N, C-alpha and C. Protein backbone atom coordinates (compact mmCIF):
# COMPACT_ATOMS: atom_id res chain seq x y z
N MET A 1 -7.37 -5.85 31.10
CA MET A 1 -6.34 -6.56 30.36
C MET A 1 -5.30 -5.52 29.93
N ASN A 2 -4.02 -5.79 30.21
CA ASN A 2 -3.00 -4.82 29.81
C ASN A 2 -2.60 -5.02 28.36
N ALA A 3 -1.81 -4.09 27.84
CA ALA A 3 -1.44 -4.11 26.42
C ALA A 3 -0.65 -5.36 26.05
N LEU A 4 0.24 -5.82 26.95
CA LEU A 4 1.03 -7.01 26.65
C LEU A 4 0.14 -8.24 26.54
N THR A 5 -0.80 -8.39 27.45
CA THR A 5 -1.72 -9.52 27.40
C THR A 5 -2.55 -9.47 26.12
N ALA A 6 -3.03 -8.30 25.77
CA ALA A 6 -3.80 -8.15 24.53
C ALA A 6 -2.95 -8.50 23.32
N PHE A 7 -1.69 -8.06 23.33
CA PHE A 7 -0.78 -8.35 22.23
C PHE A 7 -0.58 -9.86 22.08
N VAL A 8 -0.29 -10.55 23.18
CA VAL A 8 -0.05 -11.99 23.14
C VAL A 8 -1.30 -12.71 22.66
N ARG A 9 -2.46 -12.30 23.15
CA ARG A 9 -3.71 -12.95 22.71
C ARG A 9 -3.97 -12.71 21.23
N SER A 10 -3.61 -11.54 20.74
CA SER A 10 -3.93 -11.22 19.35
C SER A 10 -3.02 -11.94 18.37
N ILE A 11 -1.77 -12.19 18.74
CA ILE A 11 -0.87 -12.85 17.79
C ILE A 11 -0.52 -14.27 18.19
N GLY A 12 -0.91 -14.65 19.37
CA GLY A 12 -0.62 -16.00 19.82
C GLY A 12 0.69 -16.06 20.60
N PRO A 13 0.75 -16.93 21.59
CA PRO A 13 1.93 -16.97 22.45
C PRO A 13 3.21 -17.36 21.73
N ARG A 14 3.14 -18.22 20.71
CA ARG A 14 4.37 -18.64 20.00
C ARG A 14 4.97 -17.48 19.23
N ILE A 15 4.13 -16.71 18.55
CA ILE A 15 4.63 -15.56 17.81
C ILE A 15 5.16 -14.51 18.77
N ALA A 16 4.44 -14.26 19.86
CA ALA A 16 4.87 -13.27 20.84
C ALA A 16 6.22 -13.66 21.44
N LEU A 17 6.39 -14.95 21.76
CA LEU A 17 7.65 -15.41 22.31
C LEU A 17 8.78 -15.25 21.30
N ALA A 18 8.54 -15.61 20.06
CA ALA A 18 9.57 -15.46 19.03
C ALA A 18 9.93 -14.00 18.84
N ALA A 19 8.93 -13.13 18.86
CA ALA A 19 9.20 -11.70 18.71
C ALA A 19 10.01 -11.17 19.89
N ALA A 20 9.63 -11.58 21.09
CA ALA A 20 10.33 -11.12 22.29
C ALA A 20 11.78 -11.60 22.29
N VAL A 21 11.99 -12.86 21.93
CA VAL A 21 13.35 -13.40 21.89
C VAL A 21 14.17 -12.68 20.82
N SER A 22 13.58 -12.48 19.66
CA SER A 22 14.26 -11.77 18.57
C SER A 22 14.67 -10.38 19.01
N LEU A 23 13.75 -9.67 19.65
CA LEU A 23 14.05 -8.31 20.08
C LEU A 23 15.07 -8.29 21.21
N ALA A 24 14.95 -9.22 22.14
CA ALA A 24 15.89 -9.27 23.26
C ALA A 24 17.30 -9.58 22.81
N LEU A 25 17.43 -10.48 21.85
CA LEU A 25 18.75 -10.87 21.37
C LEU A 25 19.27 -9.93 20.30
N GLY A 26 18.39 -9.08 19.80
CA GLY A 26 18.80 -8.18 18.73
C GLY A 26 19.06 -8.89 17.42
N THR A 27 18.44 -10.06 17.25
CA THR A 27 18.64 -10.81 16.03
C THR A 27 17.35 -10.86 15.24
N LEU A 28 17.49 -10.80 13.95
CA LEU A 28 16.35 -10.92 13.07
C LEU A 28 16.72 -11.88 11.96
N PRO A 29 15.84 -12.77 11.58
CA PRO A 29 16.15 -13.66 10.47
C PRO A 29 16.37 -12.87 9.19
N ALA A 30 17.01 -13.50 8.22
CA ALA A 30 17.34 -12.82 6.97
C ALA A 30 16.09 -12.31 6.25
N PHE A 31 14.95 -12.92 6.50
CA PHE A 31 13.74 -12.52 5.80
C PHE A 31 12.94 -11.49 6.57
N ALA A 32 13.47 -10.99 7.66
CA ALA A 32 12.73 -10.08 8.52
C ALA A 32 12.46 -8.75 7.85
N ALA A 33 11.43 -8.09 8.32
CA ALA A 33 11.10 -6.77 7.79
C ALA A 33 12.20 -5.78 8.10
N GLY A 34 12.94 -6.00 9.16
CA GLY A 34 14.11 -5.20 9.44
C GLY A 34 13.85 -3.90 10.16
N ASP A 35 12.64 -3.59 10.47
CA ASP A 35 12.36 -2.37 11.21
C ASP A 35 12.39 -2.66 12.69
N ASP A 36 12.82 -1.66 13.45
CA ASP A 36 12.73 -1.77 14.90
C ASP A 36 11.27 -1.60 15.28
N PRO A 37 10.90 -2.09 16.46
CA PRO A 37 9.51 -1.88 16.89
C PRO A 37 9.18 -0.40 16.91
N VAL A 38 7.95 -0.10 16.63
CA VAL A 38 7.49 1.28 16.64
C VAL A 38 7.28 1.67 18.11
N PRO A 39 7.89 2.78 18.53
CA PRO A 39 7.73 3.19 19.93
C PRO A 39 6.30 3.63 20.21
N ALA A 40 5.97 3.64 21.49
CA ALA A 40 4.65 4.13 21.88
C ALA A 40 4.49 5.55 21.38
N PRO A 41 3.32 5.88 20.89
CA PRO A 41 3.12 7.21 20.30
C PRO A 41 3.13 8.31 21.35
N LYS A 42 3.49 9.51 20.91
CA LYS A 42 3.37 10.69 21.76
C LYS A 42 1.90 11.07 21.81
N PRO A 43 1.46 11.65 22.89
CA PRO A 43 0.04 12.02 22.99
C PRO A 43 -0.37 12.92 21.82
N THR A 44 -1.51 12.59 21.23
CA THR A 44 -2.07 13.37 20.13
C THR A 44 -3.55 13.56 20.40
N SER A 45 -4.23 14.06 19.40
CA SER A 45 -5.66 14.25 19.57
C SER A 45 -6.40 12.92 19.64
N SER A 46 -5.81 11.85 19.11
CA SER A 46 -6.44 10.53 19.17
C SER A 46 -5.42 9.49 19.62
N PRO A 47 -4.99 9.55 20.89
CA PRO A 47 -3.93 8.65 21.36
C PRO A 47 -4.31 7.18 21.28
N GLY A 48 -5.59 6.85 21.40
CA GLY A 48 -6.00 5.44 21.33
C GLY A 48 -5.72 4.85 19.96
N LEU A 49 -6.05 5.58 18.90
CA LEU A 49 -5.79 5.10 17.54
C LEU A 49 -4.31 5.00 17.27
N ALA A 50 -3.53 5.97 17.71
CA ALA A 50 -2.09 5.94 17.49
C ALA A 50 -1.46 4.75 18.21
N ALA A 51 -1.89 4.48 19.43
CA ALA A 51 -1.37 3.34 20.17
C ALA A 51 -1.75 2.03 19.49
N THR A 52 -2.98 1.97 19.00
CA THR A 52 -3.44 0.78 18.28
C THR A 52 -2.60 0.58 17.02
N ALA A 53 -2.36 1.65 16.28
CA ALA A 53 -1.58 1.56 15.05
C ALA A 53 -0.16 1.09 15.34
N ALA A 54 0.45 1.62 16.40
CA ALA A 54 1.81 1.19 16.76
C ALA A 54 1.82 -0.28 17.15
N LEU A 55 0.84 -0.70 17.93
CA LEU A 55 0.76 -2.10 18.34
C LEU A 55 0.58 -3.01 17.13
N LEU A 56 -0.31 -2.64 16.23
CA LEU A 56 -0.55 -3.45 15.04
C LEU A 56 0.69 -3.49 14.13
N THR A 57 1.40 -2.38 14.04
CA THR A 57 2.63 -2.36 13.26
C THR A 57 3.65 -3.32 13.87
N ASN A 58 3.78 -3.30 15.18
CA ASN A 58 4.71 -4.20 15.84
C ASN A 58 4.30 -5.66 15.67
N GLU A 59 3.00 -5.92 15.66
CA GLU A 59 2.53 -7.28 15.40
C GLU A 59 2.89 -7.69 13.98
N GLY A 60 2.78 -6.76 13.04
CA GLY A 60 3.18 -7.04 11.66
C GLY A 60 4.66 -7.36 11.57
N ILE A 61 5.48 -6.62 12.28
CA ILE A 61 6.92 -6.90 12.31
C ILE A 61 7.17 -8.29 12.88
N ALA A 62 6.48 -8.63 13.96
CA ALA A 62 6.66 -9.96 14.57
C ALA A 62 6.27 -11.06 13.59
N ARG A 63 5.17 -10.88 12.90
CA ARG A 63 4.74 -11.90 11.93
C ARG A 63 5.72 -11.97 10.76
N SER A 64 6.24 -10.84 10.32
CA SER A 64 7.25 -10.84 9.26
C SER A 64 8.50 -11.60 9.70
N ASN A 65 8.89 -11.40 10.93
CA ASN A 65 10.09 -12.09 11.45
C ASN A 65 9.92 -13.59 11.45
N LEU A 66 8.68 -14.04 11.44
CA LEU A 66 8.40 -15.48 11.39
C LEU A 66 8.10 -15.97 9.97
N GLY A 67 8.11 -15.06 9.02
CA GLY A 67 7.82 -15.43 7.64
C GLY A 67 6.34 -15.61 7.35
N ASP A 68 5.48 -15.10 8.21
CA ASP A 68 4.03 -15.16 8.00
C ASP A 68 3.62 -13.91 7.23
N TRP A 69 3.84 -13.94 5.91
CA TRP A 69 3.66 -12.75 5.09
C TRP A 69 2.21 -12.32 4.99
N GLN A 70 1.28 -13.26 4.90
CA GLN A 70 -0.13 -12.89 4.82
C GLN A 70 -0.60 -12.30 6.16
N GLY A 71 -0.19 -12.93 7.25
CA GLY A 71 -0.54 -12.38 8.57
C GLY A 71 0.07 -11.01 8.79
N ALA A 72 1.31 -10.83 8.34
CA ALA A 72 1.96 -9.53 8.45
C ALA A 72 1.20 -8.48 7.63
N GLU A 73 0.84 -8.85 6.41
CA GLU A 73 0.10 -7.93 5.56
C GLU A 73 -1.19 -7.49 6.26
N GLU A 74 -1.91 -8.43 6.85
CA GLU A 74 -3.17 -8.10 7.52
C GLU A 74 -2.94 -7.11 8.67
N ARG A 75 -1.88 -7.34 9.46
CA ARG A 75 -1.59 -6.46 10.59
C ARG A 75 -1.18 -5.06 10.12
N TYR A 76 -0.33 -5.00 9.09
CA TYR A 76 0.10 -3.69 8.58
C TYR A 76 -1.10 -2.93 8.02
N ARG A 77 -1.97 -3.62 7.30
CA ARG A 77 -3.16 -2.94 6.76
C ARG A 77 -4.06 -2.43 7.88
N ALA A 78 -4.20 -3.21 8.93
CA ALA A 78 -5.00 -2.77 10.08
C ALA A 78 -4.35 -1.55 10.74
N ALA A 79 -3.03 -1.56 10.86
CA ALA A 79 -2.32 -0.42 11.43
C ALA A 79 -2.56 0.84 10.59
N LEU A 80 -2.53 0.67 9.29
CA LEU A 80 -2.70 1.82 8.40
C LEU A 80 -4.14 2.32 8.38
N ARG A 81 -5.09 1.45 8.68
CA ARG A 81 -6.47 1.92 8.82
C ARG A 81 -6.59 2.82 10.05
N ALA A 82 -5.79 2.51 11.09
CA ALA A 82 -5.82 3.31 12.31
C ALA A 82 -5.01 4.60 12.17
N ASP A 83 -3.89 4.53 11.43
CA ASP A 83 -3.03 5.71 11.28
C ASP A 83 -2.19 5.54 10.02
N ARG A 84 -2.46 6.31 9.00
CA ARG A 84 -1.77 6.18 7.70
C ARG A 84 -0.40 6.86 7.70
N GLN A 85 0.02 7.41 8.82
CA GLN A 85 1.25 8.19 8.89
C GLN A 85 2.42 7.42 9.51
N ILE A 86 2.40 6.09 9.48
CA ILE A 86 3.48 5.28 10.07
C ILE A 86 4.31 4.69 8.93
N PRO A 87 5.49 5.26 8.68
CA PRO A 87 6.29 4.75 7.56
C PRO A 87 6.69 3.29 7.73
N GLU A 88 6.90 2.85 8.98
CA GLU A 88 7.26 1.45 9.21
C GLU A 88 6.14 0.50 8.77
N ALA A 89 4.90 0.93 8.95
CA ALA A 89 3.78 0.09 8.52
C ALA A 89 3.74 0.01 7.00
N TRP A 90 3.95 1.13 6.32
CA TRP A 90 3.98 1.11 4.86
C TRP A 90 5.14 0.25 4.35
N ASN A 91 6.31 0.42 4.97
CA ASN A 91 7.47 -0.38 4.56
C ASN A 91 7.23 -1.87 4.80
N GLY A 92 6.71 -2.19 5.97
CA GLY A 92 6.42 -3.59 6.27
C GLY A 92 5.39 -4.17 5.33
N LEU A 93 4.37 -3.38 5.02
CA LEU A 93 3.36 -3.84 4.06
C LEU A 93 4.02 -4.12 2.71
N GLY A 94 4.87 -3.19 2.27
CA GLY A 94 5.57 -3.41 1.01
C GLY A 94 6.39 -4.68 1.02
N HIS A 95 7.08 -4.91 2.12
CA HIS A 95 7.92 -6.11 2.22
C HIS A 95 7.07 -7.38 2.20
N ALA A 96 5.97 -7.36 2.96
CA ALA A 96 5.08 -8.53 2.98
C ALA A 96 4.52 -8.80 1.59
N LEU A 97 4.15 -7.75 0.87
CA LEU A 97 3.63 -7.91 -0.49
C LEU A 97 4.72 -8.41 -1.43
N LYS A 98 5.93 -7.87 -1.28
CA LYS A 98 7.05 -8.31 -2.13
C LYS A 98 7.32 -9.80 -1.92
N MET A 99 7.29 -10.23 -0.68
CA MET A 99 7.56 -11.64 -0.38
C MET A 99 6.46 -12.55 -0.92
N GLN A 100 5.28 -11.99 -1.18
CA GLN A 100 4.19 -12.74 -1.80
C GLN A 100 4.19 -12.54 -3.32
N ARG A 101 5.23 -11.92 -3.83
CA ARG A 101 5.41 -11.65 -5.26
C ARG A 101 4.31 -10.75 -5.84
N ARG A 102 3.80 -9.87 -5.03
CA ARG A 102 2.80 -8.89 -5.47
C ARG A 102 3.54 -7.55 -5.62
N TYR A 103 4.37 -7.51 -6.64
CA TYR A 103 5.35 -6.44 -6.79
C TYR A 103 4.74 -5.07 -7.02
N ASP A 104 3.74 -4.97 -7.87
CA ASP A 104 3.16 -3.65 -8.14
C ASP A 104 2.57 -3.03 -6.87
N ALA A 105 1.88 -3.83 -6.09
CA ALA A 105 1.32 -3.33 -4.83
C ALA A 105 2.45 -2.97 -3.85
N ALA A 106 3.52 -3.76 -3.84
CA ALA A 106 4.66 -3.46 -2.97
C ALA A 106 5.27 -2.11 -3.33
N LEU A 107 5.39 -1.82 -4.63
CA LEU A 107 5.95 -0.53 -5.05
C LEU A 107 5.12 0.63 -4.52
N LEU A 108 3.81 0.48 -4.54
CA LEU A 108 2.94 1.54 -4.03
C LEU A 108 3.15 1.75 -2.52
N ALA A 109 3.31 0.66 -1.79
CA ALA A 109 3.52 0.77 -0.35
C ALA A 109 4.86 1.44 -0.04
N TYR A 110 5.91 1.05 -0.75
CA TYR A 110 7.21 1.69 -0.53
C TYR A 110 7.15 3.17 -0.87
N ASP A 111 6.41 3.52 -1.91
CA ASP A 111 6.26 4.91 -2.28
C ASP A 111 5.64 5.71 -1.13
N GLU A 112 4.64 5.15 -0.48
CA GLU A 112 4.01 5.82 0.67
C GLU A 112 4.99 5.96 1.83
N ALA A 113 5.76 4.90 2.11
CA ALA A 113 6.75 4.97 3.18
C ALA A 113 7.76 6.08 2.91
N LEU A 114 8.19 6.17 1.65
CA LEU A 114 9.22 7.15 1.30
C LEU A 114 8.64 8.57 1.18
N LYS A 115 7.36 8.72 0.99
CA LYS A 115 6.74 10.04 1.07
C LYS A 115 6.79 10.55 2.50
N LEU A 116 6.56 9.63 3.44
CA LEU A 116 6.57 10.00 4.85
C LEU A 116 7.98 10.19 5.39
N ARG A 117 8.92 9.40 4.89
CA ARG A 117 10.32 9.47 5.34
C ARG A 117 11.22 9.28 4.11
N PRO A 118 11.53 10.35 3.39
CA PRO A 118 12.29 10.23 2.14
C PRO A 118 13.65 9.55 2.27
N SER A 119 14.28 9.67 3.40
CA SER A 119 15.60 9.05 3.61
C SER A 119 15.46 7.84 4.52
N TYR A 120 14.65 6.89 4.10
CA TYR A 120 14.35 5.68 4.89
C TYR A 120 15.14 4.54 4.26
N PRO A 121 16.32 4.22 4.81
CA PRO A 121 17.20 3.23 4.17
C PRO A 121 16.55 1.87 3.92
N LYS A 122 15.84 1.34 4.89
CA LYS A 122 15.25 0.01 4.72
C LYS A 122 14.22 0.00 3.61
N ALA A 123 13.41 1.05 3.53
CA ALA A 123 12.42 1.13 2.45
C ALA A 123 13.11 1.23 1.10
N LEU A 124 14.21 1.97 1.04
CA LEU A 124 14.95 2.07 -0.22
C LEU A 124 15.55 0.72 -0.61
N GLU A 125 16.11 0.00 0.37
CA GLU A 125 16.68 -1.31 0.06
C GLU A 125 15.60 -2.24 -0.49
N TYR A 126 14.47 -2.30 0.18
CA TYR A 126 13.39 -3.19 -0.26
C TYR A 126 12.82 -2.75 -1.60
N LEU A 127 12.73 -1.44 -1.82
CA LEU A 127 12.28 -0.94 -3.12
C LEU A 127 13.22 -1.43 -4.21
N GLY A 128 14.53 -1.29 -3.96
CA GLY A 128 15.51 -1.75 -4.94
C GLY A 128 15.42 -3.24 -5.18
N GLU A 129 15.24 -4.02 -4.12
CA GLU A 129 15.12 -5.48 -4.26
C GLU A 129 13.86 -5.84 -5.06
N THR A 130 12.80 -5.06 -4.89
CA THR A 130 11.58 -5.32 -5.65
C THR A 130 11.83 -5.05 -7.12
N TYR A 131 12.53 -3.97 -7.42
CA TYR A 131 12.89 -3.70 -8.82
C TYR A 131 13.74 -4.84 -9.39
N VAL A 132 14.67 -5.36 -8.61
CA VAL A 132 15.49 -6.48 -9.08
C VAL A 132 14.59 -7.67 -9.39
N ALA A 133 13.68 -7.98 -8.47
CA ALA A 133 12.78 -9.12 -8.68
C ALA A 133 11.92 -8.94 -9.93
N MET A 134 11.63 -7.69 -10.27
CA MET A 134 10.81 -7.39 -11.45
C MET A 134 11.65 -7.31 -12.72
N GLY A 135 12.97 -7.41 -12.57
CA GLY A 135 13.86 -7.30 -13.72
C GLY A 135 14.12 -5.86 -14.14
N ARG A 136 13.77 -4.91 -13.29
CA ARG A 136 13.96 -3.49 -13.59
C ARG A 136 15.29 -3.03 -12.98
N LEU A 137 16.39 -3.50 -13.55
CA LEU A 137 17.71 -3.27 -12.97
C LEU A 137 18.14 -1.81 -13.03
N ASP A 138 17.75 -1.07 -14.05
CA ASP A 138 18.10 0.36 -14.10
C ASP A 138 17.45 1.11 -12.95
N ASP A 139 16.19 0.79 -12.66
CA ASP A 139 15.51 1.41 -11.52
C ASP A 139 16.19 1.02 -10.21
N ALA A 140 16.59 -0.24 -10.10
CA ALA A 140 17.27 -0.71 -8.89
C ALA A 140 18.59 0.04 -8.69
N ARG A 141 19.30 0.29 -9.78
CA ARG A 141 20.57 1.03 -9.68
C ARG A 141 20.35 2.47 -9.23
N LYS A 142 19.27 3.09 -9.68
CA LYS A 142 18.95 4.46 -9.24
C LYS A 142 18.68 4.47 -7.73
N VAL A 143 17.96 3.47 -7.26
CA VAL A 143 17.69 3.38 -5.83
C VAL A 143 19.00 3.14 -5.08
N LEU A 144 19.86 2.30 -5.63
CA LEU A 144 21.17 2.03 -5.00
C LEU A 144 21.97 3.32 -4.83
N ALA A 145 21.94 4.18 -5.83
CA ALA A 145 22.68 5.45 -5.74
C ALA A 145 22.17 6.29 -4.56
N ARG A 146 20.87 6.29 -4.33
CA ARG A 146 20.30 7.02 -3.17
C ARG A 146 20.69 6.34 -1.87
N LEU A 147 20.64 5.01 -1.85
CA LEU A 147 20.89 4.25 -0.63
C LEU A 147 22.35 4.34 -0.20
N GLU A 148 23.26 4.39 -1.15
CA GLU A 148 24.69 4.45 -0.81
C GLU A 148 25.02 5.65 0.06
N LYS A 149 24.28 6.73 -0.07
CA LYS A 149 24.51 7.94 0.72
C LYS A 149 23.98 7.80 2.15
N LEU A 150 23.13 6.81 2.38
CA LEU A 150 22.44 6.68 3.66
C LEU A 150 22.92 5.52 4.52
N ASP A 151 23.19 4.37 3.89
CA ASP A 151 23.51 3.17 4.67
C ASP A 151 24.36 2.23 3.81
N GLY A 152 25.64 2.20 4.12
CA GLY A 152 26.57 1.39 3.33
C GLY A 152 26.27 -0.09 3.37
N GLN A 153 25.89 -0.60 4.53
CA GLN A 153 25.62 -2.03 4.67
C GLN A 153 24.41 -2.46 3.82
N LEU A 154 23.34 -1.69 3.89
CA LEU A 154 22.17 -2.01 3.08
C LEU A 154 22.46 -1.81 1.60
N ALA A 155 23.30 -0.83 1.28
CA ALA A 155 23.68 -0.60 -0.12
C ALA A 155 24.44 -1.80 -0.67
N VAL A 156 25.31 -2.40 0.15
CA VAL A 156 26.04 -3.59 -0.29
C VAL A 156 25.07 -4.73 -0.56
N ARG A 157 24.07 -4.89 0.31
CA ARG A 157 23.09 -5.96 0.10
C ARG A 157 22.33 -5.76 -1.21
N LEU A 158 21.92 -4.52 -1.48
CA LEU A 158 21.21 -4.25 -2.72
C LEU A 158 22.14 -4.42 -3.92
N ALA A 159 23.37 -3.95 -3.80
CA ALA A 159 24.33 -4.11 -4.90
C ALA A 159 24.54 -5.59 -5.21
N ASN A 160 24.62 -6.41 -4.17
CA ASN A 160 24.78 -7.86 -4.38
C ASN A 160 23.56 -8.46 -5.07
N ALA A 161 22.38 -8.00 -4.72
CA ALA A 161 21.16 -8.49 -5.38
C ALA A 161 21.17 -8.10 -6.85
N ILE A 162 21.57 -6.87 -7.13
CA ILE A 162 21.64 -6.42 -8.53
C ILE A 162 22.70 -7.22 -9.28
N GLN A 163 23.86 -7.39 -8.67
CA GLN A 163 24.93 -8.13 -9.31
C GLN A 163 24.54 -9.59 -9.54
N GLY A 164 23.85 -10.18 -8.56
CA GLY A 164 23.40 -11.56 -8.71
C GLY A 164 22.46 -11.71 -9.88
N GLU A 165 21.55 -10.75 -10.04
CA GLU A 165 20.61 -10.80 -11.15
C GLU A 165 21.33 -10.57 -12.48
N THR A 166 22.30 -9.65 -12.48
CA THR A 166 23.06 -9.37 -13.69
C THR A 166 23.86 -10.60 -14.11
N SER A 167 24.48 -11.26 -13.13
CA SER A 167 25.26 -12.46 -13.43
C SER A 167 24.38 -13.58 -13.94
N GLN A 168 23.21 -13.72 -13.34
CA GLN A 168 22.27 -14.76 -13.74
C GLN A 168 21.79 -14.51 -15.16
N THR A 169 21.50 -13.27 -15.49
CA THR A 169 21.04 -12.93 -16.83
C THR A 169 22.14 -13.18 -17.85
N ALA A 170 23.38 -12.86 -17.48
CA ALA A 170 24.50 -13.03 -18.40
C ALA A 170 24.75 -14.50 -18.68
N SER A 171 24.45 -15.37 -17.72
CA SER A 171 24.73 -16.80 -17.91
C SER A 171 23.68 -17.48 -18.79
N TRP A 172 22.57 -16.80 -19.06
CA TRP A 172 21.54 -17.39 -19.91
C TRP A 172 22.02 -17.35 -21.32
């Protein structure tokens, strides 16, 4: 059985088709994890585990793109059991947890992603959005200051989330 067949069997043909179409068209829904698929790993001392981790991370991204947050969380956790050094898996896990309103756990996952890749724009955006959801606007603004240096488009999205929360609070 080749890797593609195994992938389709593991996530189901509907999810695989949606992921393939999303990737082919370069479109991701607004709720998507936002990471590109993890490339095949370079040969290491344990190439089987690295390949498994990359595949599981990509399955997590596909499930996130469909809004299956629990399924995404399961895939990201499985990827991290195989290889804890994949920042996309940590970021995706954080996003899946955030979407389930498990904010404290999401913060821990984003912290791990940013330890591995300190200038990871998507992880910073999601970290900031989690702070907004928690009402920690000062922390969100600190993250925004870091993000503005890396990715203007994501910084605008985070700034809008902060502004939306500020406006909502002011109207109470």
